[in-house]
Amino acid sequence: MDKTSQPLTYYINLDPEEAEGFVLTELQETYGLYLEKLNKVEKLHLISMIASDLCFHNSIKIGYPKEIYEVMSRIKGELLVEEQEGLLEALIDGVRYQ
């Protein structure tokens, strides 16, 4: 576990009375309080699937500019993996607090 990890309850408030059978509780029980038993690829898959679902639901309302495809192409072509991960972290923080 790296030094920046926080338990899932740091990010999401889990009500103990409603916790039994709840997907977040099951995630913690299966993969640990810090989701430390998920490997990097599993975490990226979950991020991708959640982001795709959120994007779909939000794009129905507001759409999105076509330029985003050009930006993605440049990101893939110009950024190192570590830089892409940093950008991912910045984008996730931006989504959460926007």
Protein backbone atom coordinates (compact mmCIF):
# COMPACT_ATOMS: atom_id res chain seq x y z
CA MET A 1 0.00 0.00 0.00
CA ASP A 2 1.44 3.36 -0.92
CA LYS A 3 1.61 6.34 1.40
CA THR A 4 -1.23 8.22 -0.32
CA SER A 5 -3.81 5.47 0.09
CA GLN A 6 -6.82 6.06 2.28
CA PRO A 7 -9.50 3.58 3.34
CA LEU A 8 -12.62 3.54 1.18
CA THR A 9 -14.58 5.16 4.01
CA TYR A 10 -12.35 8.24 3.62
CA TYR A 11 -13.90 8.82 0.19
CA ILE A 12 -17.42 7.44 0.74
CA ASN A 13 -19.46 7.50 3.93
CA LEU A 14 -20.74 3.99 4.66
CA ASP A 15 -23.72 3.77 7.00
CA PRO A 16 -23.18 0.66 9.17
CA GLU A 17 -26.93 0.06 9.38
CA GLU A 18 -27.24 -0.17 5.59
CA ALA A 19 -23.86 -1.78 4.99
CA GLU A 20 -24.79 -5.48 4.87
CA GLY A 21 -25.00 -6.72 1.30
CA PHE A 22 -24.03 -3.28 -0.06
CA VAL A 23 -21.56 -3.37 -2.94
CA LEU A 24 -19.07 -1.03 -1.21
CA THR A 25 -19.10 -3.19 1.91
CA GLU A 26 -18.51 -6.27 -0.22
CA LEU A 27 -15.65 -4.51 -2.01
CA GLN A 28 -14.01 -3.77 1.35
CA GLU A 29 -14.55 -7.31 2.63
CA THR A 30 -13.15 -8.86 -0.54
CA TYR A 31 -10.38 -6.43 -1.44
CA GLY A 32 -9.51 -4.78 1.88
CA LEU A 33 -10.31 -1.43 3.49
CA TYR A 34 -7.82 0.28 1.17
CA LEU A 35 -8.81 -1.90 -1.82
CA GLU A 36 -5.21 -3.03 -1.62
CA LYS A 37 -6.00 -6.54 -2.89
CA LEU A 38 -7.05 -5.12 -6.27
CA ASN A 39 -4.11 -5.04 -8.64
CA LYS A 40 -3.39 -2.03 -10.82
CA VAL A 41 -5.11 -3.47 -13.91
CA GLU A 42 -8.25 -4.32 -11.91
CA LYS A 43 -8.36 -0.79 -10.49
CA LEU A 44 -7.93 0.70 -13.96
CA HIS A 45 -10.73 -1.50 -15.32
CA LEU A 46 -13.07 -0.33 -12.57
CA ILE A 47 -12.08 3.29 -13.17
CA SER A 48 -12.68 2.86 -16.88
CA MET A 49 -16.08 1.22 -16.46
CA ILE A 50 -17.32 3.73 -13.87
CA ALA A 51 -16.02 6.66 -15.93
CA SER A 52 -17.67 5.29 -19.10
CA ASP A 53 -20.98 4.91 -17.33
CA LEU A 54 -20.82 8.41 -15.83
CA CYS A 55 -19.74 9.86 -19.17
CA PHE A 56 -22.63 8.21 -20.99
CA HIS A 57 -25.22 9.49 -18.53
CA ASN A 58 -23.78 13.02 -18.49
CA SER A 59 -23.17 13.30 -22.24
CA ILE A 60 -26.86 12.66 -22.90
CA LYS A 61 -27.58 15.91 -21.05
CA ILE A 62 -24.81 18.16 -22.33
CA GLY A 63 -22.93 16.41 -25.14
CA TYR A 64 -19.19 16.86 -25.55
CA PRO A 65 -16.87 18.55 -28.02
CA LYS A 66 -15.30 16.47 -30.80
CA GLU A 67 -11.93 18.02 -29.94
CA ILE A 68 -11.72 15.65 -26.98
CA TYR A 69 -10.78 12.84 -29.40
CA GLU A 70 -7.80 14.86 -30.66
CA VAL A 71 -6.75 15.57 -27.09
CA MET A 72 -6.94 11.85 -26.24
CA SER A 73 -4.87 10.95 -29.27
CA ARG A 74 -2.19 13.42 -28.20
CA ILE A 75 -2.27 12.16 -24.60
CA LYS A 76 -1.65 8.59 -25.80
CA GLY A 77 1.09 9.71 -28.16
CA GLU A 78 2.92 12.28 -26.07
CA LEU A 79 2.63 11.35 -22.39
CA LEU A 80 4.59 8.72 -20.49
CA VAL A 81 2.59 6.22 -18.42
CA GLU A 82 3.48 8.09 -15.21
CA GLU A 83 2.28 11.35 -16.74
CA GLN A 84 -0.98 9.71 -17.86
CA GLU A 85 -1.51 8.41 -14.31
CA GLY A 86 -0.93 11.91 -12.91
CA LEU A 87 -3.38 13.35 -15.39
CA LEU A 88 -5.89 10.66 -14.44
CA GLU A 89 -5.56 11.60 -10.77
CA ALA A 90 -6.01 15.30 -11.56
CA LEU A 91 -9.08 14.58 -13.70
CA ILE A 92 -10.66 12.37 -11.03
CA ASP A 93 -10.14 15.08 -8.40
CA GLY A 94 -11.64 17.59 -10.81
CA VAL A 95 -14.73 15.47 -11.43
CA ARG A 96 -15.32 14.87 -7.77
CA TYR A 97 -15.23 18.51 -6.76
CA GLN A 98 -16.80 20.14 -9.83
